[in-house]
PDB file of N, CA and C in Angstrom:
ATOM      1  N   MET A   1      99.718 101.598  92.172  1.00  0.00           N
ATOM      2  CA  MET A   1     100.159 102.879  92.721  1.00  0.00           C
ATOM      3  C   MET A   1     101.650 103.088  92.471  1.00  0.00           C
ATOM      4  N   ALA A   2     102.416 102.011  92.433  1.00  0.00           N
ATOM      5  CA  ALA A   2     103.852 102.163  92.231  1.00  0.00           C
ATOM      6  C   ALA A   2     104.166 102.674  90.793  1.00  0.00           C
ATOM      7  N   LEU A   3     103.210 102.568  89.886  1.00  0.00           N
ATOM      8  CA  LEU A   3     103.438 103.032  88.508  1.00  0.00           C
ATOM      9  C   LEU A   3     103.139 104.490  88.315  1.00  0.00           C
ATOM     10  N   ARG A   4     102.457 105.130  89.258  1.00  0.00           N
ATOM     11  CA  ARG A   4     102.061 106.503  89.019  1.00  0.00           C
ATOM     12  C   ARG A   4     103.261 107.465  88.942  1.00  0.00           C
ATOM     13  N   ILE A   5     104.181 107.323  89.892  1.00  0.00           N
ATOM     14  CA  ILE A   5     105.348 108.216  89.887  1.00  0.00           C
ATOM     15  C   ILE A   5     106.233 107.998  88.660  1.00  0.00           C
ATOM     16  N   PRO A   6     106.520 106.734  88.279  1.00  0.00           N
ATOM     17  CA  PRO A   6     107.289 106.559  87.027  1.00  0.00           C
ATOM     18  C   PRO A   6     106.559 107.113  85.814  1.00  0.00           C
ATOM     19  N   CYS A   7     105.237 107.045  85.794  1.00  0.00           N
ATOM     20  CA  CYS A   7     104.487 107.616  84.669  1.00  0.00           C
ATOM     21  C   CYS A   7     104.649 109.152  84.640  1.00  0.00           C
ATOM     22  N   LEU A   8     104.620 109.767  85.802  1.00  0.00           N
ATOM     23  CA  LEU A   8     104.816 111.220  85.860  1.00  0.00           C
ATOM     24  C   LEU A   8     106.228 111.612  85.441  1.00  0.00           C
ATOM     25  N   ILE A   9     107.203 110.814  85.823  1.00  0.00           N
ATOM     26  CA  ILE A   9     108.577 111.094  85.443  1.00  0.00           C
ATOM     27  C   ILE A   9     108.753 110.907  83.924  1.00  0.00           C
ATOM     28  N   ALA A  10     108.132 109.840  83.403  1.00  0.00           N
ATOM     29  CA  ALA A  10     108.220 109.598  81.950  1.00  0.00           C
ATOM     30  C   ALA A  10     107.534 110.724  81.184  1.00  0.00           C
ATOM     31  N   ALA A  11     106.424 111.246  81.719  1.00  0.00           N
ATOM     32  CA  ALA A  11     105.722 112.333  81.035  1.00  0.00           C
ATOM     33  C   ALA A  11     106.590 113.605  81.020  1.00  0.00           C
ATOM     34  N   THR A  12     107.306 113.862  82.109  1.00  0.00           N
ATOM     35  CA  THR A  12     108.148 115.029  82.127  1.00  0.00           C
ATOM     36  C   THR A  12     109.344 114.867  81.207  1.00  0.00           C
ATOM     37  N   LEU A  13     109.861 113.640  81.092  1.00  0.00           N
ATOM     38  CA  LEU A  13     110.988 113.429  80.188  1.00  0.00           C
ATOM     39  C   LEU A  13     110.555 113.506  78.715  1.00  0.00           C
ATOM     40  N   LEU A  14     109.332 113.233  78.444  1.00  0.00           N
ATOM     41  CA  LEU A  14     108.811 113.234  77.069  1.00  0.00           C
ATOM     42  C   LEU A  14     108.024 114.506  76.765  1.00  0.00           C
ATOM     43  N   TYR A  15     108.318 115.617  77.431  1.00  0.00           N
ATOM     44  CA  TYR A  15     107.556 116.840  77.233  1.00  0.00           C
ATOM     45  C   TYR A  15     107.702 117.379  75.816  1.00  0.00           C
ATOM     46  N   GLN A  16     108.751 116.960  75.079  1.00  0.00           N
ATOM     47  CA  GLN A  16     108.963 117.424  73.715  1.00  0.00           C
ATOM     48  C   GLN A  16     107.983 116.763  72.752  1.00  0.00           C
ATOM     49  N   VAL A  17     107.396 115.647  73.166  1.00  0.00           N
ATOM     50  CA  VAL A  17     106.359 114.976  72.352  1.00  0.00           C
ATOM     51  C   VAL A  17     105.036 115.140  73.154  1.00  0.00           C
ATOM     52  N   PRO A  18     104.352 116.259  72.947  1.00  0.00           N
ATOM     53  CA  PRO A  18     103.222 116.602  73.793  1.00  0.00           C
ATOM     54  C   PRO A  18     102.107 115.563  73.822  1.00  0.00           C
ATOM     55  N   TRP A  19     101.788 114.972  72.697  1.00  0.00           N
ATOM     56  CA  TRP A  19     100.688 114.005  72.685  1.00  0.00           C
ATOM     57  C   TRP A  19     101.037 112.746  73.488  1.00  0.00           C
ATOM     58  N   LEU A  20     102.319 112.324  73.476  1.00  0.00           N
ATOM     59  CA  LEU A  20     102.739 111.152  74.254  1.00  0.00           C
ATOM     60  C   LEU A  20     102.797 111.494  75.758  1.00  0.00           C
ATOM     61  N   ALA A  21     103.273 112.662  76.109  1.00  0.00           N
ATOM     62  CA  ALA A  21     103.305 113.069  77.497  1.00  0.00           C
ATOM     63  C   ALA A  21     101.900 113.234  78.066  1.00  0.00           C
ATOM     64  N   ALA A  22     101.003 113.794  77.291  1.00  0.00           N
ATOM     65  CA  ALA A  22      99.615 113.943  77.755  1.00  0.00           C
ATOM     66  C   ALA A  22      98.940 112.561  77.865  1.00  0.00           C
ATOM     67  N   GLY A  23      99.236 111.682  76.952  1.00  0.00           N
ATOM     68  CA  GLY A  23      98.657 110.303  77.033  1.00  0.00           C
ATOM     69  C   GLY A  23      99.126 109.572  78.294  1.00  0.00           C
ATOM     70  N   ILE A  24     100.391 109.701  78.628  1.00  0.00           N
ATOM     71  CA  ILE A  24     100.914 109.065  79.830  1.00  0.00           C
ATOM     72  C   ILE A  24     100.282 109.685  81.083  1.00  0.00           C
ATOM     73  N   LEU A  25     100.116 110.993  81.091  1.00  0.00           N
ATOM     74  CA  LEU A  25      99.467 111.673  82.222  1.00  0.00           C
ATOM     75  C   LEU A  25      98.017 111.238  82.382  1.00  0.00           C
ATOM     76  N   VAL A  26      97.311 111.152  81.273  1.00  0.00           N
ATOM     77  CA  VAL A  26      95.906 110.743  81.308  1.00  0.00           C
ATOM     78  C   VAL A  26      95.777 109.302  81.796  1.00  0.00           C
ATOM     79  N   LEU A  27      96.672 108.447  81.429  1.00  0.00           N
ATOM     80  CA  LEU A  27      96.638 107.047  81.900  1.00  0.00           C
ATOM     81  C   LEU A  27      97.013 106.930  83.392  1.00  0.00           C
ATOM     82  N   SER A  28      97.819 107.858  83.888  1.00  0.00           N
ATOM     83  CA  SER A  28      98.230 107.746  85.263  1.00  0.00           C
ATOM     84  C   SER A  28      97.181 108.290  86.256  1.00  0.00           C
ATOM     85  N   ILE A  29      96.228 109.029  85.776  1.00  0.00           N
ATOM     86  CA  ILE A  29      95.199 109.625  86.682  1.00  0.00           C
ATOM     87  C   ILE A  29      94.325 108.544  87.348  1.00  0.00           C
ATOM     88  N   PRO A  30      93.797 107.555  86.622  1.00  0.00           N
ATOM     89  CA  PRO A  30      92.946 106.563  87.292  1.00  0.00           C
ATOM     90  C   PRO A  30      93.699 105.447  88.040  1.00  0.00           C
ATOM     91  N   LEU A  31      94.996 105.514  88.074  1.00  0.00           N
ATOM     92  CA  LEU A  31      95.783 104.432  88.746  1.00  0.00           C
ATOM     93  C   LEU A  31      95.428 104.254  90.208  1.00  0.00           C
ATOM     94  N   PRO A  32      95.276 105.290  91.056  1.00  0.00           N
ATOM     95  CA  PRO A  32      94.909 105.055  92.461  1.00  0.00           C
ATOM     96  C   PRO A  32      93.522 104.412  92.591  1.00  0.00           C
ATOM     97  N   TRP A  33      92.594 104.824  91.762  1.00  0.00           N
ATOM     98  CA  TRP A  33      91.240 104.266  91.780  1.00  0.00           C
ATOM     99  C   TRP A  33      91.300 102.769  91.383  1.00  0.00           C
ATOM    100  N   MET A  34      92.049 102.454  90.355  1.00  0.00           N
ATOM    101  CA  MET A  34      92.175 101.057  89.919  1.00  0.00           C
ATOM    102  C   MET A  34      92.879 100.230  90.991  1.00  0.00           C
ATOM    103  N   ALA A  35      93.839 100.813  91.680  1.00  0.00           N
ATOM    104  CA  ALA A  35      94.547 100.080  92.748  1.00  0.00           C
ATOM    105  C   ALA A  35      93.615  99.720  93.873  1.00  0.00           C
ATOM    106  N   VAL A  36      92.696 100.653  94.239  1.00  0.00           N
ATOM    107  CA  VAL A  36      91.742 100.354  95.278  1.00  0.00           C
ATOM    108  C   VAL A  36      90.760  99.264  94.838  1.00  0.00           C
ATOM    109  N   LEU A  37      90.317  99.329  93.584  1.00  0.00           N
ATOM    110  CA  LEU A  37      89.396  98.302  93.097  1.00  0.00           C
ATOM    111  C   LEU A  37      90.061  96.911  93.090  1.00  0.00           C
ATOM    112  N   ILE A  38      91.281  96.844  92.675  1.00  0.00           N
ATOM    113  CA  ILE A  38      92.010  95.568  92.658  1.00  0.00           C
ATOM    114  C   ILE A  38      92.252  95.051  94.066  1.00  0.00           C
ATOM    115  N   ALA A  39      92.589  95.938  94.973  1.00  0.00           N
ATOM    116  CA  ALA A  39      92.853  95.495  96.368  1.00  0.00           C
ATOM    117  C   ALA A  39      91.608  94.999  97.040  1.00  0.00           C
ATOM    118  N   ASN A  40      90.458  95.578  96.726  1.00  0.00           N
ATOM    119  CA  ASN A  40      89.198  95.178  97.373  1.00  0.00           C
ATOM    120  C   ASN A  40      88.451  94.082  96.615  1.00  0.00           C
ATOM    121  N   ASP A  41      89.017  93.594  95.535  1.00  0.00           N
ATOM    122  CA  ASP A  41      88.341  92.573  94.732  1.00  0.00           C
ATOM    123  C   ASP A  41      88.453  91.207  95.383  1.00  0.00           C
ATOM    124  N   ARG A  42      87.369  90.777  95.989  1.00  0.00           N
ATOM    125  CA  ARG A  42      87.314  89.419  96.547  1.00  0.00           C
ATOM    126  C   ARG A  42      85.844  89.038  96.636  1.00  0.00           C
ATOM    127  N   PRO A  43      85.557  87.748  96.681  1.00  0.00           N
ATOM    128  CA  PRO A  43      84.143  87.344  96.732  1.00  0.00           C
ATOM    129  C   PRO A  43      83.547  87.748  98.092  1.00  0.00           C
ATOM    130  N   PRO A  44      82.242  87.986  98.115  1.00  0.00           N
ATOM    131  CA  PRO A  44      81.604  88.332  99.408  1.00  0.00           C
ATOM    132  C   PRO A  44      81.656  87.160 100.380  1.00  0.00           C
ATOM    133  N   LYS A  45      81.599  87.475 101.662  1.00  0.00           N
ATOM    134  CA  LYS A  45      81.606  86.443 102.688  1.00  0.00           C
ATOM    135  C   LYS A  45      80.311  85.647 102.586  1.00  0.00           C
ATOM    136  N   THR A  46      80.446  84.351 102.744  1.00  0.00           N
ATOM    137  CA  THR A  46      79.270  83.501 102.771  1.00  0.00           C
ATOM    138  C   THR A  46      78.610  83.548 104.154  1.00  0.00           C
ATOM    139  N   ARG A  47      77.394  83.179 104.222  1.00  0.00           N
ATOM    140  CA  ARG A  47      76.671  83.253 105.475  1.00  0.00           C
ATOM    141  C   ARG A  47      77.283  82.296 106.519  1.00  0.00           C
ATOM    142  N   GLU A  48      77.847  81.167 106.054  1.00  0.00           N
ATOM    143  CA  GLU A  48      78.459  80.227 106.981  1.00  0.00           C
ATOM    144  C   GLU A  48      79.743  80.765 107.612  1.00  0.00           C
ATOM    145  N   ARG A  49      80.462  81.582 106.838  1.00  0.00           N
ATOM    146  CA  ARG A  49      81.712  82.119 107.317  1.00  0.00           C
ATOM    147  C   ARG A  49      81.502  83.327 108.252  1.00  0.00           C
ATOM    148  N   PHE A  50      80.430  84.057 108.083  1.00  0.00           N
ATOM    149  CA  PHE A  50      80.217  85.246 108.874  1.00  0.00           C
ATOM    150  C   PHE A  50      79.077  85.042 109.856  1.00  0.00           C
ATOM    151  N   ARG A  51      79.375  85.136 111.119  1.00  0.00           N
ATOM    152  CA  ARG A  51      78.336  85.027 112.134  1.00  0.00           C
ATOM    153  C   ARG A  51      78.512  86.221 113.078  1.00  0.00           C
ATOM    154  N   PRO A  52      77.440  86.961 113.326  1.00  0.00           N
ATOM    155  CA  PRO A  52      77.560  88.150 114.176  1.00  0.00           C
ATOM    156  C   PRO A  52      77.893  87.797 115.626  1.00  0.00           C
ATOM    157  N   PHE A  53      77.476  86.642 116.128  1.00  0.00           N
ATOM    158  CA  PHE A  53      77.811  86.224 117.482  1.00  0.00           C
ATOM    159  C   PHE A  53      77.714  84.693 117.516  1.00  0.00           C
ATOM    160  N   HIS A  54      78.377  84.080 118.447  1.00  0.00           N
ATOM    161  CA  HIS A  54      78.392  82.637 118.590  1.00  0.00           C
ATOM    162  C   HIS A  54      77.379  82.225 119.641  1.00  0.00           C
ATOM    163  N   ARG A  55      76.861  81.058 119.467  1.00  0.00           N
ATOM    164  CA  ARG A  55      75.908  80.528 120.430  1.00  0.00           C
ATOM    165  C   ARG A  55      76.559  79.364 121.180  1.00  0.00           C
ATOM    166  N   ALA A  56      76.129  79.201 122.420  1.00  0.00           N
ATOM    167  CA  ALA A  56      76.592  78.083 123.227  1.00  0.00           C
ATOM    168  C   ALA A  56      75.920  76.803 122.707  1.00  0.00           C
ATOM    169  N   PRO A  57      76.413  75.669 123.088  1.00  0.00           N
ATOM    170  CA  PRO A  57      75.779  74.407 122.628  1.00  0.00           C
ATOM    171  C   PRO A  57      74.308  74.269 122.972  1.00  0.00           C
ATOM    172  N   ASP A  58      73.854  74.944 124.062  1.00  0.00           N
ATOM    173  CA  ASP A  58      72.475  74.876 124.447  1.00  0.00           C
ATOM    174  C   ASP A  58      71.617  75.888 123.694  1.00  0.00           C
ATOM    175  N   GLY A  59      72.236  76.669 122.807  1.00  0.00           N
ATOM    176  CA  GLY A  59      71.474  77.606 121.990  1.00  0.00           C
ATOM    177  C   GLY A  59      71.405  79.013 122.549  1.00  0.00           C
ATOM    178  N   GLU A  60      71.920  79.199 123.744  1.00  0.00           N
ATOM    179  CA  GLU A  60      71.897  80.517 124.377  1.00  0.00           C
ATOM    180  C   GLU A  60      73.141  81.288 123.946  1.00  0.00           C
ATOM    181  N   PRO A  61      73.007  82.606 123.673  1.00  0.00           N
ATOM    182  CA  PRO A  61      74.224  83.373 123.317  1.00  0.00           C
ATOM    183  C   PRO A  61      75.272  83.302 124.430  1.00  0.00           C
ATOM    184  N   LEU A  62      76.555  83.299 124.028  1.00  0.00           N
ATOM    185  CA  LEU A  62      77.638  83.151 124.975  1.00  0.00           C
ATOM    186  C   LEU A  62      77.625  84.245 126.027  1.00  0.00           C
ATOM    187  N   ASP A  63      77.329  85.500 125.643  1.00  0.00           N
ATOM    188  CA  ASP A  63      77.386  86.555 126.622  1.00  0.00           C
ATOM    189  C   ASP A  63      76.202  86.506 127.612  1.00  0.00           C
ATOM    190  N   ALA A  64      75.192  85.718 127.317  1.00  0.00           N
ATOM    191  CA  ALA A  64      74.043  85.646 128.214  1.00  0.00           C
ATOM    192  C   ALA A  64      74.147  84.500 129.194  1.00  0.00           C
ATOM    193  N   ARG A  65      75.226  83.726 129.102  1.00  0.00           N
ATOM    194  CA  ARG A  65      75.388  82.595 130.028  1.00  0.00           C
ATOM    195  C   ARG A  65      75.583  83.059 131.447  1.00  0.00           C
ATOM    196  N   ARG A  66      75.122  82.286 132.349  1.00  0.00           N
ATOM    197  CA  ARG A  66      75.370  82.600 133.768  1.00  0.00           C
ATOM    198  C   ARG A  66      76.694  81.945 134.190  1.00  0.00           C
ATOM    199  N   THR A  67      77.458  82.681 134.919  1.00  0.00           N
ATOM    200  CA  THR A  67      78.723  82.112 135.402  1.00  0.00           C
ATOM    201  C   THR A  67      78.623  81.984 136.907  1.00  0.00           C
ATOM    202  N   ARG A  68      79.313  80.992 137.404  1.00  0.00           N
ATOM    203  CA  ARG A  68      79.297  80.780 138.854  1.00  0.00           C
ATOM    204  C   ARG A  68      80.624  81.322 139.424  1.00  0.00           C
ATOM    205  N   ALA A  69      80.492  82.015 140.514  1.00  0.00           N
ATOM    206  CA  ALA A  69      81.698  82.543 141.158  1.00  0.00           C
ATOM    207  C   ALA A  69      82.305  81.454 142.013  1.00  0.00           C
ATOM    208  N   LEU A  70      83.589  81.504 142.146  1.00  0.00           N
ATOM    209  CA  LEU A  70      84.317  80.557 142.993  1.00  0.00           C
ATOM    210  C   LEU A  70      84.054  80.896 144.457  1.00  0.00           C
ATOM    211  N   PRO A  71      84.011  79.901 145.344  1.00  0.00           N
ATOM    212  CA  PRO A  71      83.825  80.209 146.756  1.00  0.00           C
ATOM    213  C   PRO A  71      85.071  80.944 147.289  1.00  0.00           C
ATOM    214  N   PRO A  72      84.885  81.726 148.340  1.00  0.00           N
ATOM    215  CA  PRO A  72      86.053  82.458 148.892  1.00  0.00           C
ATOM    216  C   PRO A  72      87.084  81.466 149.441  1.00  0.00           C
ATOM    217  N   ALA A  73      88.327  81.834 149.293  1.00  0.00           N
ATOM    218  CA  ALA A  73      89.424  81.001 149.798  1.00  0.00           C
ATOM    219  C   ALA A  73      89.428  81.047 151.334  1.00  0.00           C
ATOM    220  N   PRO A  74      89.662  79.926 151.976  1.00  0.00           N
ATOM    221  CA  PRO A  74      89.675  79.921 153.424  1.00  0.00           C
ATOM    222  C   PRO A  74      90.911  80.674 153.956  1.00  0.00           C
ATOM    223  N   VAL A  75      90.742  81.335 155.037  1.00  0.00           N
ATOM    224  CA  VAL A  75      91.822  82.111 155.651  1.00  0.00           C
ATOM    225  C   VAL A  75      92.514  81.189 156.650  1.00  0.00           C
ATOM    226  N   THR A  76      93.763  80.972 156.450  1.00  0.00           N
ATOM    227  CA  THR A  76      94.538  80.085 157.385  1.00  0.00           C
ATOM    228  C   THR A  76      95.554  80.850 158.137  1.00  0.00           C
ATOM    229  N   GLY A  77      95.643  80.587 159.425  1.00  0.00           N
ATOM    230  CA  GLY A  77      96.676  81.217 160.237  1.00  0.00           C
ATOM    231  C   GLY A  77      96.377  82.692 160.470  1.00  0.00           C
ATOM    232  N   SER A  78      97.123  83.235 161.400  1.00  0.00           N
ATOM    233  CA  SER A  78      96.986  84.656 161.699  1.00  0.00           C
ATOM    234  C   SER A  78      98.378  85.276 161.793  1.00  0.00           C
ATOM    235  N   HIS A  79      98.439  86.537 161.737  1.00  0.00           N
ATOM    236  CA  HIS A  79      99.734  87.228 161.763  1.00  0.00           C
ATOM    237  C   HIS A  79     100.261  87.395 163.157  1.00  0.00           C
TER     238      HIS A  79
END
C-alpha cells in the first residue's frame, strides 16, 4: 500500500511519456488487493490449536460446572 501513492506521483511526473505513465498507473491499481492477500497469507489453524471451548478434566464443559457458594460470613458485634 505504501507504494501506491509514489506510483501515482511518478505517473504524474512522467505524463510526457504516456505509455510509461499508463503502465505505472495500471500496475498501481491491484496494489491494495495484493496487500490484503499478502497480509492474510498464513497457514490454516490446525485442529489441535483451535478449540471452540475447553473441557474440564472430568470431561464436562467448563461453563456447565456447578459452583459452590461460600457460606455467609458470621455477624459479630452490634452497633
